[in-house]
Amino acid sequence: MHTFARRSFRTVTPTAGGAYQPGVCNIGPDEIAQRRRAGHIGAIVTLGLLAFLLLLRLPPAWRLAVAIPAAGTAITYLQAILHFCVAFGMAGVFNFGRVGRTTSVAEEAARRADRARAARMIAAGSAIGLAVGVAAVLL
């Protein structure tokens, strides 16, 4: 595996009390579970949209529309797998407690690392979504 990929998308296991790591880990078990559930819902929506488009027998190009929910689903699953919330990274916060509570990231360097990680995850999820959309067109 390429060194950049290992550094950019390594998974971490939060410590028992939770441990914020700039650009690496910004959510704990409750937030991770929430993203996993949201990913499952997104996968169902994506498959439902594809089934609907196939049922309507629209031209294959219409199936590219599944790229949008597929990208969102991919980003959501990446958040669960990588223990990093894209929105939290962009907002400069983290949470290792109950869902809905956040703590601000104090250091600018840490906020920059979080924004960079979030941008890489958005790019990766978008690429996955596009690949799913292209595959749907080719069905």
C-alpha atoms as a PDB file:
ATOM      1  CA  MET A   1       0.000   0.000   0.000  1.00  0.00           C
ATOM      2  CA  HIS A   2       1.201   3.492  -0.777  1.00  0.00           C
ATOM      3  CA  THR A   3       2.647   5.342   2.223  1.00  0.00           C
ATOM      4  CA  PHE A   4       0.368   8.368   1.735  1.00  0.00           C
ATOM      5  CA  ALA A   5      -2.728   6.164   1.845  1.00  0.00           C
ATOM      6  CA  ARG A   6      -1.601   4.521   5.069  1.00  0.00           C
ATOM      7  CA  ARG A   7      -1.014   7.863   6.730  1.00  0.00           C
ATOM      8  CA  SER A   8      -4.141   9.478   5.349  1.00  0.00           C
ATOM      9  CA  PHE A   9      -6.661   6.780   6.105  1.00  0.00           C
ATOM     10  CA  ARG A  10      -5.362   4.697   8.985  1.00  0.00           C
ATOM     11  CA  THR A  11      -7.876   3.564  11.538  1.00  0.00           C
ATOM     12  CA  VAL A  12      -7.421   4.128  15.237  1.00  0.00           C
ATOM     13  CA  THR A  13      -9.099   2.770  18.304  1.00  0.00           C
ATOM     14  CA  PRO A  14     -10.018   5.463  20.813  1.00  0.00           C
ATOM     15  CA  THR A  15      -8.758   4.908  24.320  1.00  0.00           C
ATOM     16  CA  ALA A  16     -11.270   3.981  26.990  1.00  0.00           C
ATOM     17  CA  GLY A  17     -11.807   7.627  27.918  1.00  0.00           C
ATOM     18  CA  GLY A  18     -11.559   8.822  24.338  1.00  0.00           C
ATOM     19  CA  ALA A  19      -8.598  10.590  22.862  1.00  0.00           C
ATOM     20  CA  TYR A  20      -8.760  13.335  20.297  1.00  0.00           C
ATOM     21  CA  GLN A  21      -5.927  13.054  17.789  1.00  0.00           C
ATOM     22  CA  PRO A  22      -5.672  15.963  15.322  1.00  0.00           C
ATOM     23  CA  GLY A  23      -6.248  14.831  11.760  1.00  0.00           C
ATOM     24  CA  VAL A  24      -6.689  11.221  12.900  1.00  0.00           C
ATOM     25  CA  CYS A  25      -9.524  10.641  15.371  1.00  0.00           C
ATOM     26  CA  ASN A  26     -12.239  13.048  16.490  1.00  0.00           C
ATOM     27  CA  ILE A  27     -15.214  10.833  17.465  1.00  0.00           C
ATOM     28  CA  GLY A  28     -15.826   8.145  20.035  1.00  0.00           C
ATOM     29  CA  PRO A  29     -17.971   4.995  20.168  1.00  0.00           C
ATOM     30  CA  ASP A  30     -21.404   6.676  20.307  1.00  0.00           C
ATOM     31  CA  GLU A  31     -20.684   8.917  17.330  1.00  0.00           C
ATOM     32  CA  ILE A  32     -19.135   6.002  15.415  1.00  0.00           C
ATOM     33  CA  ALA A  33     -22.234   3.868  15.984  1.00  0.00           C
ATOM     34  CA  GLN A  34     -24.463   6.698  14.796  1.00  0.00           C
ATOM     35  CA  ARG A  35     -22.484   7.019  11.563  1.00  0.00           C
ATOM     36  CA  ARG A  36     -22.573   3.266  10.997  1.00  0.00           C
ATOM     37  CA  ARG A  37     -26.382   3.298  11.306  1.00  0.00           C
ATOM     38  CA  ALA A  38     -26.612   6.303   8.980  1.00  0.00           C
ATOM     39  CA  GLY A  39     -24.406   4.467   6.480  1.00  0.00           C
ATOM     40  CA  HIS A  40     -26.785   1.509   6.498  1.00  0.00           C
ATOM     41  CA  ILE A  41     -29.708   3.851   5.807  1.00  0.00           C
ATOM     42  CA  GLY A  42     -27.752   5.542   3.023  1.00  0.00           C
ATOM     43  CA  ALA A  43     -26.981   2.183   1.415  1.00  0.00           C
ATOM     44  CA  ILE A  44     -30.677   1.294   1.459  1.00  0.00           C
ATOM     45  CA  VAL A  45     -31.583   4.674  -0.083  1.00  0.00           C
ATOM     46  CA  THR A  46     -28.921   4.240  -2.781  1.00  0.00           C
ATOM     47  CA  LEU A  47     -30.116   0.746  -3.675  1.00  0.00           C
ATOM     48  CA  GLY A  48     -33.739   1.904  -3.564  1.00  0.00           C
ATOM     49  CA  LEU A  49     -33.013   4.732  -5.980  1.00  0.00           C
ATOM     50  CA  LEU A  50     -31.223   2.366  -8.339  1.00  0.00           C
ATOM     51  CA  ALA A  51     -34.139  -0.081  -8.212  1.00  0.00           C
ATOM     52  CA  PHE A  52     -36.593   2.753  -8.869  1.00  0.00           C
ATOM     53  CA  LEU A  53     -34.603   3.997 -11.865  1.00  0.00           C
ATOM     54  CA  LEU A  54     -34.355   0.460 -13.266  1.00  0.00           C
ATOM     55  CA  LEU A  55     -38.073  -0.054 -12.722  1.00  0.00           C
ATOM     56  CA  LEU A  56     -38.884   3.119 -14.658  1.00  0.00           C
ATOM     57  CA  ARG A  57     -36.676   1.897 -17.527  1.00  0.00           C
ATOM     58  CA  LEU A  58     -35.198   5.331 -17.994  1.00  0.00           C
ATOM     59  CA  PRO A  59     -32.145   5.718 -20.233  1.00  0.00           C
ATOM     60  CA  PRO A  60     -28.974   4.377 -18.549  1.00  0.00           C
ATOM     61  CA  ALA A  61     -27.530   7.887 -18.082  1.00  0.00           C
ATOM     62  CA  TRP A  62     -30.224   8.569 -15.475  1.00  0.00           C
ATOM     63  CA  ARG A  63     -28.650   5.902 -13.273  1.00  0.00           C
ATOM     64  CA  LEU A  64     -25.677   8.177 -12.712  1.00  0.00           C
ATOM     65  CA  ALA A  65     -27.949   9.894 -10.168  1.00  0.00           C
ATOM     66  CA  VAL A  66     -27.149   7.097  -7.692  1.00  0.00           C
ATOM     67  CA  ALA A  67     -23.677   8.633  -7.420  1.00  0.00           C
ATOM     68  CA  ILE A  68     -25.045  11.314  -5.100  1.00  0.00           C
ATOM     69  CA  PRO A  69     -26.469   9.106  -2.332  1.00  0.00           C
ATOM     70  CA  ALA A  70     -23.649   6.599  -2.903  1.00  0.00           C
ATOM     71  CA  ALA A  71     -21.064   9.326  -2.238  1.00  0.00           C
ATOM     72  CA  GLY A  72     -22.858  10.386   0.934  1.00  0.00           C
ATOM     73  CA  THR A  73     -23.064   6.777   2.040  1.00  0.00           C
ATOM     74  CA  ALA A  74     -19.380   6.198   1.339  1.00  0.00           C
ATOM     75  CA  ILE A  75     -18.386   9.290   3.311  1.00  0.00           C
ATOM     76  CA  THR A  76     -20.603   8.188   6.181  1.00  0.00           C
ATOM     77  CA  TYR A  77     -19.102   4.697   6.287  1.00  0.00           C
ATOM     78  CA  LEU A  78     -15.598   6.165   6.061  1.00  0.00           C
ATOM     79  CA  GLN A  79     -16.372   8.268   9.129  1.00  0.00           C
ATOM     80  CA  ALA A  80     -17.350   5.151  11.087  1.00  0.00           C
ATOM     81  CA  ILE A  81     -14.352   3.141   9.889  1.00  0.00           C
ATOM     82  CA  LEU A  82     -11.806   5.905  10.380  1.00  0.00           C
ATOM     83  CA  HIS A  83     -13.288   7.324  13.624  1.00  0.00           C
ATOM     84  CA  PHE A  84     -13.305  10.774  12.125  1.00  0.00           C
ATOM     85  CA  CYS A  85     -16.325  13.010  11.482  1.00  0.00           C
ATOM     86  CA  VAL A  86     -16.011  15.188   8.390  1.00  0.00           C
ATOM     87  CA  ALA A  87     -18.388  17.873   9.701  1.00  0.00           C
ATOM     88  CA  PHE A  88     -16.597  17.973  13.068  1.00  0.00           C
ATOM     89  CA  GLY A  89     -13.264  18.248  11.273  1.00  0.00           C
ATOM     90  CA  MET A  90     -14.475  21.194   9.229  1.00  0.00           C
ATOM     91  CA  ALA A  91     -16.073  22.846  12.278  1.00  0.00           C
ATOM     92  CA  GLY A  92     -13.048  22.382  14.544  1.00  0.00           C
ATOM     93  CA  VAL A  93     -14.740  20.226  17.183  1.00  0.00           C
ATOM     94  CA  PHE A  94     -14.592  16.662  18.511  1.00  0.00           C
ATOM     95  CA  ASN A  95     -16.743  14.377  20.685  1.00  0.00           C
ATOM     96  CA  PHE A  96     -15.941  11.263  22.677  1.00  0.00           C
ATOM     97  CA  GLY A  97     -19.035  11.432  24.880  1.00  0.00           C
ATOM     98  CA  ARG A  98     -22.739  11.253  24.208  1.00  0.00           C
ATOM     99  CA  VAL A  99     -23.989  12.205  20.755  1.00  0.00           C
ATOM    100  CA  GLY A 100     -24.784  15.896  20.497  1.00  0.00           C
ATOM    101  CA  ARG A 101     -21.991  17.236  22.669  1.00  0.00           C
ATOM    102  CA  THR A 102     -18.814  18.666  21.214  1.00  0.00           C
ATOM    103  CA  THR A 103     -15.604  20.232  22.414  1.00  0.00           C
ATOM    104  CA  SER A 104     -13.778  22.908  20.429  1.00  0.00           C
ATOM    105  CA  VAL A 105     -10.310  22.248  19.079  1.00  0.00           C
ATOM    106  CA  ALA A 106      -8.103  24.963  20.535  1.00  0.00           C
ATOM    107  CA  GLU A 107      -4.973  24.836  18.369  1.00  0.00           C
ATOM    108  CA  GLU A 108      -4.977  26.183  14.812  1.00  0.00           C
ATOM    109  CA  ALA A 109      -2.529  23.503  13.635  1.00  0.00           C
ATOM    110  CA  ALA A 110      -4.898  20.806  14.889  1.00  0.00           C
ATOM    111  CA  ARG A 111      -7.845  22.477  13.136  1.00  0.00           C
ATOM    112  CA  ARG A 112      -5.830  22.588   9.898  1.00  0.00           C
ATOM    113  CA  ALA A 113      -5.000  18.875  10.220  1.00  0.00           C
ATOM    114  CA  ASP A 114      -8.681  18.092  10.816  1.00  0.00           C
ATOM    115  CA  ARG A 115      -9.811  20.127   7.795  1.00  0.00           C
ATOM    116  CA  ALA A 116      -7.219  18.402   5.603  1.00  0.00           C
ATOM    117  CA  ARG A 117      -8.369  14.957   6.773  1.00  0.00           C
ATOM    118  CA  ALA A 118     -12.010  15.906   6.176  1.00  0.00           C
ATOM    119  CA  ALA A 119     -11.203  17.108   2.647  1.00  0.00           C
ATOM    120  CA  ARG A 120      -9.410  13.828   1.839  1.00  0.00           C
ATOM    121  CA  MET A 121     -12.383  11.851   3.118  1.00  0.00           C
ATOM    122  CA  ILE A 122     -14.818  13.925   1.053  1.00  0.00           C
ATOM    123  CA  ALA A 123     -12.674  13.350  -2.037  1.00  0.00           C
ATOM    124  CA  ALA A 124     -12.458   9.596  -1.375  1.00  0.00           C
ATOM    125  CA  GLY A 125     -16.188   9.254  -0.725  1.00  0.00           C
ATOM    126  CA  SER A 126     -17.003  11.293  -3.808  1.00  0.00           C
ATOM    127  CA  ALA A 127     -14.762   9.068  -5.938  1.00  0.00           C
ATOM    128  CA  ILE A 128     -16.486   5.974  -4.550  1.00  0.00           C
ATOM    129  CA  GLY A 129     -19.896   7.509  -5.266  1.00  0.00           C
ATOM    130  CA  LEU A 130     -18.890   8.343  -8.821  1.00  0.00           C
ATOM    131  CA  ALA A 131     -17.631   4.795  -9.346  1.00  0.00           C
ATOM    132  CA  VAL A 132     -20.962   3.423  -8.086  1.00  0.00           C
ATOM    133  CA  GLY A 133     -22.806   5.803 -10.419  1.00  0.00           C
ATOM    134  CA  VAL A 134     -20.746   4.737 -13.421  1.00  0.00           C
ATOM    135  CA  ALA A 135     -21.285   1.075 -12.527  1.00  0.00           C
ATOM    136  CA  ALA A 136     -25.037   1.740 -12.378  1.00  0.00           C
ATOM    137  CA  VAL A 137     -24.955   3.297 -15.844  1.00  0.00           C
ATOM    138  CA  LEU A 138     -23.134   0.231 -17.179  1.00  0.00           C
ATOM    139  CA  LEU A 139     -25.699  -2.224 -15.763  1.00  0.00           C
END
